[in-house]
Amino acid sequence: MELLMERIRQEGLILSDTVLKVDSFLNHQVDTQLALEIGREFARLFGDKSVTKVLTIEASGIQFAMATGIALNVPFIYAKKKKAVTLSEKVYSAPVYSFTRQETYQVSVSQKYLSPGDKVLIIDDFLATGAALAGLVDIVRESGAELVGVGCVIEKSFQEGRSLLEKKGVLVHSLARIASMSPGEIHFVQDHRLCHQGQGRM
């Protein structure tokens, strides 16, 4: 998705060879028109899968799951990281290890909202280690629903997330795949241009 890659080149801040900050337009302040365009692109990629539910995990994937749900005209669900006092019904849950927070937490989805008749598309903002997405895959499979695939906005292709998901038999589509990065430059998969920080803000 060239529009997305261009925004990453111009506004993304590369803090290290593994940390990319995109909070000016994706996951803190959100460019709503870009988010809607991302949703339309996921709808195009998965439009032949008869999706009935879009699933994400709170919080940074919510805007993209909602945009995708709008484009597909289906509901979206977000897995909760902490069980709310109002969530008294039975849930599907899975443990997820967060490398950024260095902690393991349970994510859960009410059993009311996933059923064996559903065809579920998982959406998230980043694919890196794949731990959070693997937890969502386990939840979908526990529910008996059909997982049609995973869509990620940005993938760090130099990390193990895609391999982890593909070993689970999951179809993965990412809109911007980063082959490598370091402060001052970024290299996308199938994009041999290197963007240096002297150009624009990078």
Protein backbone atom coordinates (compact mmCIF):
# COMPACT_ATOMS: atom_id res chain seq x y z
CA MET A 1 0.00 0.00 0.00
CA GLU A 2 2.05 2.89 -1.32
CA LEU A 3 0.10 5.61 0.53
CA LEU A 4 0.86 3.97 3.87
CA MET A 5 4.53 3.37 3.06
CA GLU A 6 4.93 6.99 2.05
CA ARG A 7 3.48 8.19 5.37
CA ILE A 8 5.87 5.88 7.22
CA ARG A 9 8.79 7.28 5.22
CA GLN A 10 7.78 10.88 5.87
CA GLU A 11 6.43 10.76 9.44
CA GLY A 12 7.63 7.55 11.07
CA LEU A 13 10.38 7.89 13.66
CA ILE A 14 12.89 5.03 13.73
CA LEU A 15 14.22 4.82 17.27
CA SER A 16 16.29 1.66 16.73
CA ASP A 17 16.59 -1.28 14.37
CA THR A 18 13.45 -2.77 15.97
CA VAL A 19 11.39 0.22 17.17
CA LEU A 20 9.29 2.32 14.79
CA LYS A 21 7.16 5.14 16.18
CA VAL A 22 4.06 6.02 14.13
CA ASP A 23 2.00 7.70 16.81
CA SER A 24 1.57 10.94 14.87
CA PHE A 25 -0.79 9.30 12.37
CA LEU A 26 -1.58 5.66 13.27
CA ASN A 27 -1.70 4.66 16.92
CA HIS A 28 -1.93 7.70 19.17
CA GLN A 29 -3.11 10.53 16.97
CA VAL A 30 -4.98 8.81 14.13
CA ASP A 31 -5.38 10.08 10.58
CA THR A 32 -9.00 9.03 10.20
CA GLN A 33 -9.02 9.18 6.41
CA LEU A 34 -5.94 6.97 6.25
CA ALA A 35 -7.54 4.55 8.72
CA LEU A 36 -10.64 4.32 6.52
CA GLU A 37 -8.45 3.74 3.45
CA ILE A 38 -6.66 0.95 5.33
CA GLY A 39 -10.04 -0.60 6.14
CA ARG A 40 -11.04 -0.49 2.49
CA GLU A 41 -7.78 -2.17 1.48
CA PHE A 42 -8.30 -5.01 3.96
CA ALA A 43 -11.87 -5.36 2.67
CA ARG A 44 -10.48 -5.65 -0.85
CA LEU A 45 -7.90 -8.26 0.17
CA PHE A 46 -10.35 -10.42 2.13
CA GLY A 47 -13.57 -9.52 0.34
CA ASP A 48 -14.02 -13.01 -1.13
CA LYS A 49 -13.83 -14.74 2.27
CA SER A 50 -17.46 -14.11 3.39
CA VAL A 51 -16.27 -12.49 6.63
CA THR A 52 -18.94 -12.21 9.35
CA LYS A 53 -16.82 -10.71 12.18
CA VAL A 54 -13.63 -8.67 12.44
CA LEU A 55 -11.55 -9.29 15.58
CA THR A 56 -8.74 -7.26 17.12
CA ILE A 57 -7.12 -6.68 20.49
CA GLU A 58 -7.34 -3.47 22.49
CA ALA A 59 -6.23 -0.83 21.97
CA SER A 60 -4.17 0.11 18.91
CA GLY A 61 -5.94 -2.22 16.48
CA ILE A 62 -9.42 -0.91 17.22
CA GLN A 63 -9.54 1.89 14.65
CA PHE A 64 -8.38 -0.40 11.84
CA ALA A 65 -10.75 -3.22 12.81
CA MET A 66 -13.62 -0.74 12.89
CA ALA A 67 -12.66 0.69 9.49
CA THR A 68 -12.47 -2.84 8.07
CA GLY A 69 -15.81 -3.76 9.61
CA ILE A 70 -17.37 -0.65 8.06
CA ALA A 71 -15.92 -1.52 4.65
CA LEU A 72 -17.16 -5.12 4.91
CA ASN A 73 -20.46 -4.12 6.58
CA VAL A 74 -19.92 -6.54 9.49
CA PRO A 75 -19.44 -6.06 13.27
CA PHE A 76 -16.02 -5.89 14.86
CA ILE A 77 -15.02 -7.25 18.26
CA TYR A 78 -12.04 -6.29 20.36
CA ALA A 79 -10.52 -8.72 22.83
CA LYS A 80 -10.13 -7.21 26.27
CA LYS A 81 -6.81 -7.34 28.08
CA LYS A 82 -8.42 -7.24 31.50
CA LYS A 83 -11.74 -8.78 32.43
CA ALA A 84 -14.20 -6.01 33.21
CA VAL A 85 -16.57 -6.36 36.15
CA THR A 86 -19.43 -6.08 33.65
CA LEU A 87 -18.10 -9.08 31.69
CA SER A 88 -19.83 -11.73 33.78
CA GLU A 89 -20.62 -14.23 31.03
CA LYS A 90 -18.37 -17.03 29.81
CA VAL A 91 -15.37 -16.01 27.76
CA TYR A 92 -12.79 -17.44 25.40
CA SER A 93 -9.33 -16.46 26.61
CA ALA A 94 -5.65 -16.90 25.83
CA PRO A 95 -2.39 -15.79 27.46
CA VAL A 96 -0.35 -13.21 25.54
CA TYR A 97 3.19 -12.12 26.31
CA SER A 98 3.93 -8.46 25.64
CA PHE A 99 7.57 -7.82 24.72
CA THR A 100 7.11 -4.06 25.01
CA ARG A 101 5.60 -4.31 28.49
CA GLN A 102 7.57 -7.40 29.53
CA GLU A 103 4.50 -9.07 31.00
CA THR A 104 1.96 -11.77 30.26
CA TYR A 105 -1.75 -10.97 30.33
CA GLN A 106 -4.98 -12.76 29.49
CA VAL A 107 -7.04 -11.54 26.55
CA SER A 108 -10.68 -12.51 26.45
CA VAL A 109 -13.75 -12.37 24.22
CA SER A 110 -17.30 -13.06 25.37
CA GLN A 111 -18.61 -16.36 24.05
CA LYS A 112 -21.78 -14.46 23.05
CA TYR A 113 -19.96 -12.79 20.17
CA LEU A 114 -18.06 -15.68 18.54
CA SER A 115 -19.75 -18.86 17.36
CA PRO A 116 -18.95 -21.84 15.11
CA GLY A 117 -20.94 -20.24 12.28
CA ASP A 118 -18.68 -17.16 12.13
CA LYS A 119 -15.96 -16.45 9.60
CA VAL A 120 -13.44 -14.26 11.39
CA LEU A 121 -10.85 -11.84 10.06
CA ILE A 122 -8.22 -10.72 12.58
CA ILE A 123 -6.85 -7.17 12.16
CA ASP A 124 -4.01 -5.50 14.07
CA ASP A 125 -1.71 -2.52 13.71
CA PHE A 126 1.67 -4.29 14.00
CA LEU A 127 3.01 -7.77 13.31
CA ALA A 128 6.37 -8.31 14.99
CA THR A 129 6.79 -11.32 17.27
CA GLY A 130 3.22 -12.44 16.58
CA ALA A 131 2.43 -13.25 20.22
CA ALA A 132 -0.76 -11.18 20.45
CA LEU A 133 -2.05 -12.39 17.10
CA ALA A 134 -1.30 -16.00 17.98
CA GLY A 135 -3.45 -15.53 21.09
CA LEU A 136 -6.32 -14.24 18.96
CA VAL A 137 -5.91 -17.18 16.57
CA ASP A 138 -6.23 -19.55 19.55
CA ILE A 139 -9.40 -17.76 20.70
CA VAL A 140 -11.01 -18.03 17.26
CA ARG A 141 -10.19 -21.71 17.03
CA GLU A 142 -11.41 -22.36 20.57
CA SER A 143 -14.76 -20.82 19.60
CA GLY A 144 -15.16 -23.17 16.65
CA ALA A 145 -15.37 -20.23 14.23
CA GLU A 146 -13.47 -20.27 10.93
CA LEU A 147 -10.42 -18.04 10.75
CA VAL A 148 -10.17 -16.62 7.23
CA GLY A 149 -6.90 -14.74 7.79
CA VAL A 150 -4.93 -12.02 9.54
CA GLY A 151 -4.46 -8.47 8.25
CA CYS A 152 -1.73 -6.25 9.67
CA VAL A 153 -1.12 -2.61 8.93
CA ILE A 154 2.68 -2.74 9.43
CA GLU A 155 4.82 -5.88 9.54
CA LYS A 156 8.38 -6.07 10.78
CA SER A 157 9.34 -8.85 8.40
CA PHE A 158 12.73 -9.30 10.06
CA GLN A 159 10.99 -10.64 13.17
CA GLU A 160 9.37 -14.03 13.61
CA GLY A 161 5.66 -13.12 13.65
CA ARG A 162 4.75 -14.12 10.09
CA SER A 163 6.55 -17.46 10.42
CA LEU A 164 4.73 -18.18 13.70
CA LEU A 165 1.33 -17.51 12.14
CA GLU A 166 2.04 -19.38 8.92
CA LYS A 167 3.13 -22.43 10.94
CA LYS A 168 -0.37 -22.30 12.43
CA GLY A 169 -1.78 -22.38 8.89
CA VAL A 170 -2.88 -18.74 8.91
CA LEU A 171 -3.13 -16.57 5.78
CA VAL A 172 -1.36 -13.25 6.46
CA HIS A 173 -1.66 -9.98 4.52
CA SER A 174 0.33 -6.92 5.63
CA LEU A 175 -0.02 -3.52 3.98
CA ALA A 176 3.54 -2.33 4.67
CA ARG A 177 6.29 -4.91 5.17
CA ILE A 178 9.54 -3.61 6.59
CA ALA A 179 12.60 -5.64 5.58
CA SER A 180 15.01 -3.67 7.76
CA MET A 181 15.38 -0.31 9.43
CA SER A 182 17.80 1.75 11.47
CA PRO A 183 17.84 5.38 12.56
CA GLY A 184 17.98 7.30 9.31
CA GLU A 185 16.72 4.69 6.86
CA ILE A 186 13.99 2.16 6.20
CA HIS A 187 13.78 -0.62 3.64
CA PHE A 188 10.45 -2.18 2.65
CA VAL A 189 10.00 -5.69 1.29
CA GLN A 190 9.57 -5.45 -2.51
CA ASP A 191 10.62 -1.81 -2.29
CA HIS A 192 14.34 -1.38 -2.85
CA ARG A 193 14.34 2.35 -2.20
CA LEU A 194 16.10 3.43 0.96
CA CYS A 195 14.66 6.49 2.63
CA HIS A 196 17.16 8.60 4.56
CA GLN A 197 16.23 10.95 7.37
CA GLY A 198 17.59 13.89 5.48
CA GLN A 199 14.50 13.57 3.26
CA GLY A 200 11.35 14.87 4.91
CA ARG A 201 11.25 13.89 8.57
CA MET A 202 13.12 10.59 8.09
